[in-house]
Amino acid sequence: MKLISAEEAAKLVRDGDSVLVSGSGGGHAIPERVLEAIEARHLQTGSPKALTLVHIVGLGDRAAKGAARFCHEGMLRRSITSALIDSPVLIDLAAADKIESYTLPQGVLSQLMREMASGRPGLITKTGLHTFIDPRQLGGRQSPSARQDLVELMTIDGEEYLRFKPFPLDIVFLRGTTADEDGNISMEQEAIFGEMLSTAQAARRNGGIVVVQVKRMAKRGALPAKNVKIPGILVDYVVVDPDQRQTYATDYNPAYSGELKVPLHALRRLPFDHRKIVARRAAMEIVPGAICNLGAGISTGISAVASEEAVLDHIVLTNEQGFIGGAPLTGPDSGASQNYDAIVDQPYQFDFYDGGGLDIAFLSFAEVDPGGNVNISRFGSKIVGVGGFINISQNAKHMVFSGTFTSGGLELQTGDGVLAIAQEGRHKKFVNRIEQICYNANFARKQGRTALFVTERAVFDVVDGSLQLVEIAPGIDLERDILAHMAFKPAISPDLRLMDARLFRPEPMNLIDDIEANRTRNAANPMKRAAE
């Protein structure tokens, strides 16, 4: 291992290289100091250029950091990632077809690192079948110039699978907390682990260079062996940045790194608004002992609701970054977690998800069609990507999709147990045809998986292959406030119910009482419990 500066690290990148950058979202384990130096070198010299940029999760502050540092004219040729939303300038390049853009499932890219590390012929999985990832649809492409087939359809023992092909890694930039003099890397202050080990191994297998940015150096032999996440035998260069922050928004929070657990009352509560109403109704689907996933967007608020309602200890919340238990964070540090019981490397979390380990998953939706298919990935020139959505939604036993009924300027009046629409949103979410299929409802139904759609004014089920309205908020008019703002007319349940009035009052709902009552009923009725 050689200790070098960020500027020296930037000079290691050659024109046309395939570059992988570690980390997640808003600065979690992103080697930002090195990325800054690469950007500065390009602006000064015009090199490196024509790069392929790979990052498993969206990277950036939605402004100028993270993946945005690669988005100068001519610097980027191809982008392979699961999400673009954290770097809007990357969205602009893809929409203008100035780069070859692919968005593949987060879990697929994470697990693919492990497959590449061992020299296997890619990742073979059912994840992505019958979605826009399937080569019979778009093969994950987001720009016309993205012509290479990164995904292949296969049949094994009469069943369909997708093979995600390996790709070169010429240089990878990873991050840890401490490096010793032999290049062993620990991650004691990091908010996530990601797939650091698998990525370093994959680069080494490909003959690539491994550069790790850390906050500090330690003497040879000083790191406890069990704390080493990337062995020194895999590390070529180390860059020290003493000002390295835990995330873009947070210098260091010991709760994020698992150093301590904070009292539940210290967890941030959601303000009483439409997002909290939706998160509350989604949280009503919680059953005691359930293993759950919380996705990005409005669904992240469920952890705050579960904390406020004192039900957090009755379930196991997880997120795709590897956390098991605790309360996944909302806001700018979303992707991290607090009070968790364990954190595993990201590929292993997706192994658990793909293996059907989730009882319930709470994800957001952006567009829904009459059959219950969901799009969260692309809307015209706005390219979001899919993150872990496809892995999660295609493998969880029960899905709860959450979102506001319309978007763009929606304003509500509530607080007294009823709901009124003060200003309707400009954009309809229930449409006749979605642009990209991220969740295939028919495929889910054939596999015996179920889904529910939760909004602030209505709840929908999928019955016999069609969306059916099953609940309506008190104070809402069916024709004026629901049907008039859908591009299609859903089936109406003969047992249409009112949503719980507690959703529309600011005080806590006492969901713990409901959960305890359900537990008591199930204990008294073992036949019902067995059927469930």
Protein backbone atom coordinates (compact mmCIF):
# COMPACT_ATOMS: atom_id res chain seq x y z
CA MET A 1 0.00 0.00 0.00
CA LYS A 2 1.18 3.53 -0.81
CA LEU A 3 -0.02 6.69 0.89
CA ILE A 4 -0.82 9.40 -1.68
CA SER A 5 -2.65 12.73 -1.92
CA ALA A 6 -6.09 13.16 -3.47
CA GLU A 7 -4.45 14.96 -6.39
CA GLU A 8 -2.11 12.03 -6.98
CA ALA A 9 -5.08 9.65 -6.82
CA ALA A 10 -6.87 11.70 -9.47
CA LYS A 11 -3.91 11.25 -11.84
CA LEU A 12 -4.35 7.47 -11.69
CA VAL A 13 -7.56 7.74 -13.75
CA ARG A 14 -6.93 7.34 -17.48
CA ASP A 15 -9.12 8.46 -20.35
CA GLY A 16 -11.75 5.82 -21.12
CA ASP A 17 -11.43 4.07 -17.76
CA SER A 18 -14.30 2.29 -16.03
CA VAL A 19 -14.46 3.94 -12.59
CA LEU A 20 -16.50 2.72 -9.63
CA VAL A 21 -17.25 4.97 -6.65
CA SER A 22 -18.50 3.64 -3.33
CA GLY A 23 -21.14 5.06 -1.05
CA SER A 24 -24.79 5.96 -0.90
CA GLY A 25 -27.10 8.95 -1.15
CA GLY A 26 -26.16 12.04 0.77
CA GLY A 27 -22.48 11.40 1.45
CA HIS A 28 -22.58 8.03 3.20
CA ALA A 29 -19.13 6.45 2.66
CA ILE A 30 -18.50 8.53 -0.48
CA PRO A 31 -14.80 9.41 -1.05
CA GLU A 32 -15.69 13.02 -1.79
CA ARG A 33 -12.21 14.51 -1.43
CA VAL A 34 -10.89 12.24 -4.19
CA LEU A 35 -13.88 12.97 -6.43
CA GLU A 36 -13.25 16.69 -5.97
CA ALA A 37 -9.63 16.22 -7.10
CA ILE A 38 -10.70 14.21 -10.18
CA GLU A 39 -13.11 16.98 -11.14
CA ALA A 40 -10.45 19.67 -10.64
CA ARG A 41 -7.97 17.77 -12.82
CA HIS A 42 -10.52 17.45 -15.64
CA LEU A 43 -11.40 21.15 -15.48
CA GLN A 44 -7.72 22.08 -15.61
CA THR A 45 -6.48 19.61 -18.22
CA GLY A 46 -9.49 18.09 -19.99
CA SER A 47 -8.53 14.69 -18.63
CA PRO A 48 -9.79 12.18 -17.60
CA LYS A 49 -12.52 11.94 -20.23
CA ALA A 50 -14.87 9.41 -21.86
CA LEU A 51 -15.23 7.58 -18.53
CA THR A 52 -17.68 4.88 -17.54
CA LEU A 53 -18.98 5.76 -14.08
CA VAL A 54 -20.41 2.98 -11.91
CA HIS A 55 -22.05 3.57 -8.55
CA ILE A 56 -24.38 1.08 -6.87
CA VAL A 57 -26.61 3.68 -5.19
CA GLY A 58 -27.36 7.27 -6.17
CA LEU A 59 -24.51 9.59 -5.09
CA GLY A 60 -24.77 13.29 -4.39
CA ASP A 61 -26.27 16.24 -2.58
CA ARG A 62 -28.66 16.97 -5.48
CA ALA A 63 -26.35 19.79 -6.47
CA ALA A 64 -22.61 19.62 -7.20
CA LYS A 65 -21.20 16.72 -5.14
CA GLY A 66 -20.95 12.99 -5.67
CA ALA A 67 -21.61 11.77 -9.20
CA ALA A 68 -22.20 15.37 -10.34
CA ARG A 69 -18.43 15.89 -10.28
CA PHE A 70 -18.18 13.65 -13.38
CA CYS A 71 -20.82 15.52 -15.40
CA HIS A 72 -18.70 18.06 -17.27
CA GLU A 73 -18.73 18.10 -21.06
CA GLY A 74 -16.89 15.08 -22.45
CA MET A 75 -15.92 13.68 -19.06
CA LEU A 76 -18.49 10.90 -19.03
CA ARG A 77 -19.34 8.37 -21.73
CA ARG A 78 -21.45 5.89 -19.82
CA SER A 79 -23.33 5.75 -16.51
CA ILE A 80 -24.30 2.49 -14.76
CA THR A 81 -26.17 2.93 -11.50
CA SER A 82 -29.45 2.20 -9.76
CA ALA A 83 -30.51 5.82 -9.24
CA LEU A 84 -29.81 9.23 -10.76
CA ILE A 85 -32.01 11.37 -8.51
CA ASP A 86 -29.16 12.46 -6.22
CA SER A 87 -27.31 14.05 -9.17
CA PRO A 88 -29.79 16.04 -11.30
CA VAL A 89 -27.08 17.04 -13.78
CA LEU A 90 -26.62 13.34 -14.54
CA ILE A 91 -30.35 13.17 -15.32
CA ASP A 92 -29.94 16.05 -17.76
CA LEU A 93 -27.11 14.29 -19.60
CA ALA A 94 -29.11 11.07 -19.89
CA ALA A 95 -32.27 12.86 -21.02
CA ALA A 96 -30.30 14.74 -23.68
CA ASP A 97 -28.64 11.48 -24.78
CA LYS A 98 -25.19 12.92 -24.10
CA ILE A 99 -24.24 9.75 -22.24
CA GLU A 100 -25.11 6.06 -22.40
CA SER A 101 -27.35 5.69 -19.36
CA TYR A 102 -28.37 2.44 -17.65
CA THR A 103 -30.31 2.11 -14.41
CA LEU A 104 -30.21 -1.41 -12.97
CA PRO A 105 -31.59 -2.66 -9.64
CA GLN A 106 -29.49 -1.72 -6.63
CA GLY A 107 -29.40 -5.26 -5.29
CA VAL A 108 -28.36 -6.61 -8.68
CA LEU A 109 -25.41 -4.22 -8.91
CA SER A 110 -24.43 -4.92 -5.31
CA GLN A 111 -24.52 -8.70 -5.74
CA LEU A 112 -22.85 -8.43 -9.15
CA MET A 113 -19.73 -7.09 -7.42
CA ARG A 114 -19.47 -10.38 -5.56
CA GLU A 115 -19.99 -12.40 -8.74
CA MET A 116 -17.33 -10.38 -10.55
CA ALA A 117 -14.94 -10.82 -7.62
CA SER A 118 -15.01 -14.59 -8.11
CA GLY A 119 -14.84 -14.51 -11.89
CA ARG A 120 -18.32 -15.97 -12.37
CA PRO A 121 -20.21 -15.13 -15.59
CA GLY A 122 -22.38 -12.44 -14.05
CA LEU A 123 -25.42 -12.52 -11.76
CA ILE A 124 -28.23 -14.95 -12.61
CA THR A 125 -31.50 -13.97 -10.92
CA LYS A 126 -35.24 -13.54 -11.42
CA THR A 127 -35.02 -9.95 -10.20
CA GLY A 128 -36.15 -7.63 -12.98
CA LEU A 129 -38.25 -10.11 -14.94
CA HIS A 130 -41.30 -8.47 -16.58
CA THR A 131 -40.12 -4.96 -15.68
CA PHE A 132 -38.27 -2.38 -17.79
CA ILE A 133 -35.06 -4.16 -16.75
CA ASP A 134 -36.12 -7.21 -18.78
CA PRO A 135 -34.42 -7.14 -22.23
CA ARG A 136 -37.84 -7.81 -23.77
CA GLN A 137 -38.69 -4.30 -22.60
CA LEU A 138 -35.78 -1.83 -22.21
CA GLY A 139 -32.97 -3.82 -20.64
CA GLY A 140 -32.48 -1.01 -18.10
CA ARG A 141 -31.63 1.58 -20.78
CA GLN A 142 -32.43 5.25 -20.15
CA SER A 143 -30.90 6.86 -23.28
CA PRO A 144 -30.99 5.97 -27.01
CA SER A 145 -27.20 5.73 -27.24
CA ALA A 146 -27.16 2.95 -24.60
CA ARG A 147 -27.06 0.12 -27.14
CA GLN A 148 -24.99 -2.53 -25.40
CA ASP A 149 -26.96 -5.40 -23.89
CA LEU A 150 -26.09 -5.53 -20.19
CA VAL A 151 -28.93 -7.96 -19.42
CA GLU A 152 -29.66 -11.33 -21.05
CA LEU A 153 -32.78 -13.53 -20.80
CA MET A 154 -32.05 -17.17 -19.95
CA THR A 155 -34.06 -20.35 -19.41
CA ILE A 156 -32.84 -22.79 -16.77
CA ASP A 157 -34.81 -25.97 -16.04
CA GLY A 158 -37.79 -24.47 -17.82
CA GLU A 159 -37.82 -21.24 -15.79
CA GLU A 160 -36.90 -17.74 -16.92
CA TYR A 161 -33.95 -15.87 -15.41
CA LEU A 162 -31.97 -12.75 -16.19
CA ARG A 163 -28.19 -12.73 -16.45
CA PHE A 164 -26.60 -9.41 -15.61
CA LYS A 165 -23.27 -9.38 -17.37
CA PRO A 166 -19.96 -8.45 -15.69
CA PHE A 167 -18.15 -5.32 -16.82
CA PRO A 168 -14.58 -3.98 -16.43
CA LEU A 169 -13.42 -2.11 -13.33
CA ASP A 170 -10.20 -0.25 -14.09
CA ILE A 171 -10.09 1.75 -10.86
CA VAL A 172 -12.34 1.88 -7.79
CA PHE A 173 -12.55 4.61 -5.17
CA LEU A 174 -13.76 3.36 -1.79
CA ARG A 175 -13.97 4.82 1.70
CA GLY A 176 -13.27 3.77 5.26
CA THR A 177 -12.51 5.43 8.57
CA THR A 178 -9.01 4.23 9.49
CA ALA A 179 -6.13 2.69 7.56
CA ASP A 180 -3.08 1.13 9.16
CA GLU A 181 0.41 1.18 7.65
CA ASP A 182 -0.31 -2.06 5.76
CA GLY A 183 -3.46 -0.67 4.14
CA ASN A 184 -5.95 -2.57 6.29
CA ILE A 185 -9.17 -0.53 6.40
CA SER A 186 -11.74 -0.26 9.20
CA MET A 187 -15.12 1.49 9.00
CA GLU A 188 -15.96 2.25 12.62
CA GLN A 189 -17.34 5.75 11.97
CA GLU A 190 -19.13 5.03 8.69
CA ALA A 191 -22.90 5.17 8.46
CA ILE A 192 -23.05 2.22 6.01
CA PHE A 193 -20.83 -0.67 4.90
CA GLY A 194 -22.04 -1.04 1.32
CA GLU A 195 -20.10 -3.64 -0.68
CA MET A 196 -16.56 -2.43 0.01
CA LEU A 197 -14.95 -5.86 0.30
CA SER A 198 -16.67 -7.33 -2.77
CA THR A 199 -15.82 -4.26 -4.86
CA ALA A 200 -12.15 -4.33 -3.88
CA GLN A 201 -12.02 -8.04 -4.72
CA ALA A 202 -13.78 -7.45 -8.06
CA ALA A 203 -11.31 -4.74 -9.01
CA ARG A 204 -8.38 -6.96 -8.09
CA ARG A 205 -9.84 -9.84 -10.13
CA ASN A 206 -10.09 -7.46 -13.11
CA GLY A 207 -6.55 -6.16 -12.69
CA GLY A 208 -7.87 -2.80 -11.53
CA ILE A 209 -6.55 -0.30 -8.98
CA VAL A 210 -8.07 0.04 -5.49
CA VAL A 211 -7.89 3.47 -3.82
CA VAL A 212 -9.41 4.01 -0.36
CA GLN A 213 -10.05 7.39 1.24
CA VAL A 214 -9.93 7.41 5.06
CA LYS A 215 -10.09 9.93 7.88
CA ARG A 216 -6.97 8.85 9.76
CA MET A 217 -3.95 6.55 9.89
CA ALA A 218 -3.03 4.00 12.54
CA LYS A 219 0.20 2.16 13.37
CA ARG A 220 0.78 -1.27 11.83
CA GLY A 221 -1.08 -3.89 13.90
CA ALA A 222 -3.13 -1.30 15.82
CA LEU A 223 -6.48 -2.15 14.22
CA PRO A 224 -8.39 -5.03 15.84
CA ALA A 225 -8.41 -7.76 13.20
CA LYS A 226 -12.19 -8.23 13.41
CA ASN A 227 -12.71 -4.53 12.63
CA VAL A 228 -10.93 -4.72 9.28
CA LYS A 229 -13.48 -4.49 6.44
CA ILE A 230 -11.00 -4.28 3.53
CA PRO A 231 -7.77 -6.27 4.01
CA GLY A 232 -4.58 -4.49 3.04
CA ILE A 233 -3.77 -7.15 0.43
CA LEU A 234 -6.55 -5.61 -1.69
CA VAL A 235 -5.56 -1.96 -1.26
CA ASP A 236 -3.15 -0.23 -3.61
CA TYR A 237 -3.36 3.38 -2.39
CA VAL A 238 -4.71 5.26 0.61
CA VAL A 239 -5.75 8.93 0.68
CA VAL A 240 -6.17 10.62 4.07
CA ASP A 241 -8.78 13.37 4.48
CA PRO A 242 -8.84 14.50 8.14
CA ASP A 243 -11.94 16.60 7.39
CA GLN A 244 -13.93 13.60 6.12
CA ARG A 245 -17.58 13.89 7.20
CA GLN A 246 -19.85 10.99 8.04
CA THR A 247 -22.45 12.31 5.58
CA TYR A 248 -22.83 15.56 3.65
CA ALA A 249 -25.24 16.85 6.32
CA THR A 250 -23.60 15.39 9.45
CA ASP A 251 -20.00 15.67 10.60
CA TYR A 252 -20.34 12.70 12.95
CA ASN A 253 -23.25 11.18 14.85
CA PRO A 254 -22.31 8.19 17.03
CA ALA A 255 -25.83 6.80 16.69
CA TYR A 256 -25.34 6.48 12.93
CA SER A 257 -22.22 4.38 13.41
CA GLY A 258 -23.83 2.19 16.07
CA GLU A 259 -21.61 3.50 18.86
CA LEU A 260 -24.67 4.24 20.99
CA LYS A 261 -28.45 3.99 20.93
CA VAL A 262 -30.59 7.05 21.53
CA PRO A 263 -33.84 7.22 23.53
CA LEU A 264 -36.91 6.90 21.30
CA HIS A 265 -38.12 10.34 22.31
CA ALA A 266 -34.95 11.75 20.75
CA LEU A 267 -35.92 10.46 17.30
CA ARG A 268 -37.33 13.22 15.12
CA ARG A 269 -41.12 13.30 14.86
CA LEU A 270 -42.86 14.07 11.62
CA PRO A 271 -44.86 17.29 11.33
CA PHE A 272 -48.60 16.74 10.94
CA ASP A 273 -49.09 16.98 7.17
CA HIS A 274 -50.03 14.83 4.19
CA ARG A 275 -46.81 12.79 4.44
CA LYS A 276 -47.54 11.87 8.02
CA ILE A 277 -51.13 10.91 7.20
CA VAL A 278 -49.90 8.53 4.50
CA ALA A 279 -47.15 7.10 6.71
CA ARG A 280 -49.65 6.56 9.53
CA ARG A 281 -52.10 4.68 7.31
CA ALA A 282 -49.28 2.55 5.94
CA ALA A 283 -48.10 1.84 9.49
CA MET A 284 -51.55 0.44 10.28
CA GLU A 285 -50.57 -2.54 8.09
CA ILE A 286 -47.86 -3.49 10.59
CA VAL A 287 -48.35 -6.84 12.27
CA PRO A 288 -46.44 -7.93 15.39
CA GLY A 289 -43.14 -9.64 14.64
CA ALA A 290 -43.14 -8.69 10.97
CA ILE A 291 -39.82 -8.19 9.20
CA CYS A 292 -40.24 -5.05 7.10
CA ASN A 293 -38.42 -2.88 4.61
CA LEU A 294 -38.77 0.87 4.41
CA GLY A 295 -38.00 2.39 1.02
CA ALA A 296 -37.07 5.94 0.11
CA GLY A 297 -39.46 8.87 -0.13
CA ILE A 298 -42.68 9.08 1.82
CA SER A 299 -42.27 5.55 3.21
CA THR A 300 -39.23 6.53 5.28
CA GLY A 301 -41.66 8.37 7.58
CA ILE A 302 -43.02 5.04 8.82
CA SER A 303 -40.04 4.61 11.15
CA ALA A 304 -40.79 7.97 12.78
CA VAL A 305 -44.46 7.04 13.11
CA ALA A 306 -43.57 3.64 14.57
CA SER A 307 -41.31 5.36 17.11
CA GLU A 308 -43.94 7.93 18.07
CA GLU A 309 -46.57 5.22 18.42
CA ALA A 310 -44.25 3.00 20.54
CA VAL A 311 -44.53 0.07 18.13
CA LEU A 312 -40.92 0.09 16.96
CA ASP A 313 -39.97 -2.73 19.32
CA HIS A 314 -42.80 -4.94 18.03
CA ILE A 315 -41.43 -5.20 14.48
CA VAL A 316 -38.09 -5.43 12.72
CA LEU A 317 -37.45 -2.58 10.30
CA THR A 318 -34.72 -2.98 7.72
CA ASN A 319 -33.43 -1.02 4.77
CA GLU A 320 -31.44 -2.08 1.76
CA GLN A 321 -28.17 -0.54 2.96
CA GLY A 322 -27.85 -3.45 5.37
CA PHE A 323 -29.57 -2.37 8.60
CA ILE A 324 -31.59 -4.82 10.65
CA GLY A 325 -33.77 -3.41 13.43
CA GLY A 326 -33.86 0.14 14.73
CA ALA A 327 -35.23 3.19 12.94
CA PRO A 328 -34.09 4.07 9.40
CA LEU A 329 -33.59 7.82 9.04
CA THR A 330 -35.61 10.33 7.09
CA GLY A 331 -34.41 13.61 5.58
CA PRO A 332 -30.94 14.41 4.20
CA ASP A 333 -29.32 11.46 5.99
CA SER A 334 -31.86 8.97 4.65
CA GLY A 335 -30.11 5.66 4.05
CA ALA A 336 -28.53 5.60 7.50
CA SER A 337 -30.24 4.27 10.61
CA GLN A 338 -30.27 4.52 14.40
CA ASN A 339 -30.68 1.97 17.20
CA TYR A 340 -30.15 -0.93 14.81
CA ASP A 341 -29.44 -4.46 16.02
CA ALA A 342 -27.07 -5.36 13.20
CA ILE A 343 -25.60 -4.07 9.97
CA VAL A 344 -24.51 -6.44 7.21
CA ASP A 345 -22.79 -5.81 3.90
CA GLN A 346 -25.30 -4.75 1.27
CA PRO A 347 -25.04 -7.87 -0.96
CA TYR A 348 -26.08 -10.04 1.98
CA GLN A 349 -29.07 -7.85 2.75
CA PHE A 350 -30.27 -8.32 -0.81
CA ASP A 351 -29.67 -12.07 -0.54
CA PHE A 352 -32.14 -12.00 2.34
CA TYR A 353 -34.62 -9.85 0.41
CA ASP A 354 -34.37 -11.92 -2.78
CA GLY A 355 -34.85 -15.07 -0.72
CA GLY A 356 -38.28 -13.89 0.44
CA GLY A 357 -37.23 -12.77 3.91
CA LEU A 358 -39.50 -9.72 4.00
CA ASP A 359 -43.00 -10.10 5.38
CA ILE A 360 -44.03 -6.55 4.44
CA ALA A 361 -42.30 -3.88 2.38
CA PHE A 362 -43.28 -0.22 2.38
CA LEU A 363 -42.32 1.56 -0.83
CA SER A 364 -43.37 4.76 -2.53
CA PHE A 365 -45.21 4.97 -5.84
CA ALA A 366 -45.28 7.68 -8.50
CA GLU A 367 -47.59 6.25 -11.17
CA VAL A 368 -50.10 3.39 -11.05
CA ASP A 369 -52.10 1.92 -13.93
CA PRO A 370 -55.50 0.12 -13.83
CA GLY A 371 -53.86 -3.26 -13.26
CA GLY A 372 -51.77 -2.09 -10.29
CA ASN A 373 -48.46 -1.86 -12.17
CA VAL A 374 -46.14 0.79 -10.70
CA ASN A 375 -43.65 3.23 -12.20
CA ILE A 376 -41.15 5.08 -10.03
CA SER A 377 -38.31 5.28 -12.53
CA ARG A 378 -38.99 7.70 -15.36
CA PHE A 379 -41.45 10.44 -16.32
CA GLY A 380 -40.52 11.95 -19.67
CA SER A 381 -37.16 13.66 -19.23
CA LYS A 382 -37.15 13.12 -15.45
CA ILE A 383 -35.12 9.96 -14.85
CA VAL A 384 -35.12 8.82 -11.24
CA GLY A 385 -33.93 5.22 -11.48
CA VAL A 386 -35.10 2.33 -9.32
CA GLY A 387 -32.70 1.94 -6.37
CA GLY A 388 -33.64 -1.23 -4.51
CA PHE A 389 -37.30 -0.99 -5.51
CA ILE A 390 -37.38 -3.96 -7.89
CA ASN A 391 -35.50 -6.36 -5.61
CA ILE A 392 -37.80 -5.48 -2.74
CA SER A 393 -41.17 -5.28 -4.49
CA GLN A 394 -40.57 -8.45 -6.50
CA ASN A 395 -39.74 -10.58 -3.46
CA ALA A 396 -41.64 -9.28 -0.40
CA LYS A 397 -44.69 -11.29 0.61
CA HIS A 398 -46.90 -8.19 0.94
CA MET A 399 -46.35 -4.74 -0.57
CA VAL A 400 -47.69 -1.45 0.78
CA PHE A 401 -47.19 1.27 -1.84
CA SER A 402 -47.52 4.78 -0.41
CA GLY A 403 -47.89 8.20 -1.98
CA THR A 404 -50.09 11.26 -2.21
CA PHE A 405 -53.11 10.88 -4.48
CA THR A 406 -51.94 13.74 -6.74
CA SER A 407 -48.71 15.75 -6.75
CA GLY A 408 -47.53 19.26 -7.52
CA GLY A 409 -49.07 21.87 -5.23
CA LEU A 410 -51.37 19.57 -3.23
CA GLU A 411 -52.67 21.28 -0.05
CA LEU A 412 -54.92 19.71 2.57
CA GLN A 413 -57.11 20.90 5.41
CA THR A 414 -57.41 18.54 8.35
CA GLY A 415 -56.89 18.16 12.07
CA ASP A 416 -60.42 17.41 13.24
CA GLY A 417 -60.79 13.83 12.04
CA VAL A 418 -61.90 14.67 8.50
CA LEU A 419 -60.02 15.62 5.34
CA ALA A 420 -60.64 18.42 2.86
CA ILE A 421 -58.69 19.29 -0.30
CA ALA A 422 -57.68 22.97 -0.14
CA GLN A 423 -55.77 22.81 -3.43
CA GLU A 424 -55.58 19.84 -5.74
CA GLY A 425 -52.25 18.64 -7.11
CA ARG A 426 -51.50 19.37 -10.75
CA HIS A 427 -50.31 15.87 -11.66
CA LYS A 428 -52.38 12.69 -11.70
CA LYS A 429 -50.69 9.56 -10.41
CA PHE A 430 -53.37 7.03 -11.38
CA VAL A 431 -52.93 6.86 -15.16
CA ASN A 432 -54.00 4.63 -18.04
CA ARG A 433 -50.45 3.74 -19.04
CA ILE A 434 -47.16 4.01 -17.17
CA GLU A 435 -43.89 4.81 -18.91
CA GLN A 436 -41.73 2.12 -17.31
CA ILE A 437 -42.88 -0.95 -15.39
CA CYS A 438 -40.99 -1.20 -12.10
CA TYR A 439 -43.55 -3.47 -10.38
CA ASN A 440 -45.47 -5.98 -12.46
CA ALA A 441 -48.74 -6.69 -10.66
CA ASN A 442 -49.69 -9.68 -12.80
CA PHE A 443 -46.33 -11.36 -12.19
CA ALA A 444 -46.71 -10.70 -8.45
CA ARG A 445 -50.20 -12.18 -8.38
CA LYS A 446 -49.04 -15.35 -10.15
CA GLN A 447 -46.39 -15.76 -7.45
CA GLY A 448 -48.95 -15.32 -4.65
CA ARG A 449 -47.76 -11.89 -3.54
CA THR A 450 -50.19 -9.14 -2.55
CA ALA A 451 -50.20 -5.33 -2.64
CA LEU A 452 -52.05 -2.37 -1.14
CA PHE A 453 -51.96 1.26 -2.32
CA VAL A 454 -52.19 3.93 0.38
CA THR A 455 -52.83 7.65 -0.16
CA GLU A 456 -54.00 10.47 2.08
CA ARG A 457 -57.59 10.19 0.84
CA ALA A 458 -58.05 6.66 -0.51
CA VAL A 459 -56.76 3.11 -0.18
CA PHE A 460 -56.77 0.61 -3.06
CA ASP A 461 -56.39 -3.16 -3.23
CA VAL A 462 -55.75 -5.30 -6.30
CA VAL A 463 -58.65 -7.68 -6.90
CA ASP A 464 -58.87 -10.02 -9.89
CA GLY A 465 -56.16 -8.11 -11.71
CA SER A 466 -57.68 -4.65 -11.28
CA LEU A 467 -57.34 -1.80 -8.83
CA GLN A 468 -60.24 -1.63 -6.35
CA LEU A 469 -61.07 1.25 -4.02
CA VAL A 470 -61.50 -0.14 -0.50
CA GLU A 471 -61.25 2.93 1.79
CA ILE A 472 -62.06 6.61 1.49
CA ALA A 473 -61.17 9.42 3.89
CA PRO A 474 -63.95 11.01 5.95
CA GLY A 475 -64.91 14.32 4.37
CA ILE A 476 -63.85 13.26 0.86
CA ASP A 477 -66.36 13.11 -1.99
CA LEU A 478 -65.96 10.01 -4.16
CA GLU A 479 -66.72 11.67 -7.49
CA ARG A 480 -65.21 15.11 -6.92
CA ASP A 481 -62.06 14.22 -4.98
CA ILE A 482 -61.17 10.74 -6.26
CA LEU A 483 -62.71 9.61 -9.54
CA ALA A 484 -62.35 13.04 -11.16
CA HIS A 485 -58.57 12.86 -10.66
CA MET A 486 -57.99 9.36 -12.02
CA ALA A 487 -57.46 8.61 -15.70
CA PHE A 488 -59.47 5.41 -15.27
CA LYS A 489 -62.36 4.31 -13.08
CA PRO A 490 -61.35 1.69 -10.52
CA ALA A 491 -63.64 -0.98 -9.18
CA ILE A 492 -65.43 0.12 -6.01
CA SER A 493 -65.52 -2.37 -3.17
CA PRO A 494 -69.06 -3.31 -2.07
CA ASP A 495 -67.67 -2.97 1.47
CA LEU A 496 -66.14 0.49 0.96
CA ARG A 497 -65.01 1.76 4.36
CA LEU A 498 -64.05 5.09 5.86
CA MET A 499 -60.38 5.53 6.73
CA ASP A 500 -59.69 5.75 10.47
CA ALA A 501 -60.52 9.25 11.77
CA ARG A 502 -57.41 9.14 14.01
CA LEU A 503 -55.29 9.56 10.88
CA PHE A 504 -56.57 13.10 10.49
CA ARG A 505 -55.91 14.37 14.01
CA PRO A 506 -52.50 15.62 15.16
CA GLU A 507 -52.28 13.64 18.40
CA PRO A 508 -50.77 10.12 18.45
CA MET A 509 -53.08 7.34 17.28
CA ASN A 510 -52.18 4.82 20.02
CA LEU A 511 -51.38 2.18 17.43
CA ILE A 512 -49.77 0.12 20.17
CA ASP A 513 -53.26 -0.66 21.47
CA ASP A 514 -54.31 -1.96 18.05
CA ILE A 515 -51.23 -4.15 17.80
CA GLU A 516 -51.75 -5.58 21.28
CA ALA A 517 -55.42 -6.23 20.47
CA ASN A 518 -54.42 -8.06 17.28
CA ARG A 519 -51.89 -10.09 19.22
CA THR A 520 -54.55 -11.05 21.77
CA ARG A 521 -57.07 -12.02 19.08
CA ASN A 522 -54.53 -14.16 17.27
CA ALA A 523 -53.48 -15.86 20.50
CA ALA A 524 -57.15 -16.66 21.23
CA ASN A 525 -57.79 -17.98 17.72
CA PRO A 526 -54.93 -20.29 16.67
CA MET A 527 -56.83 -21.46 13.55
CA LYS A 528 -57.06 -17.87 12.27
CA ARG A 529 -53.40 -17.31 13.11
CA ALA A 530 -52.38 -20.45 11.23
CA ALA A 531 -54.39 -19.37 8.20
CA GLU A 532 -52.69 -15.95 8.18
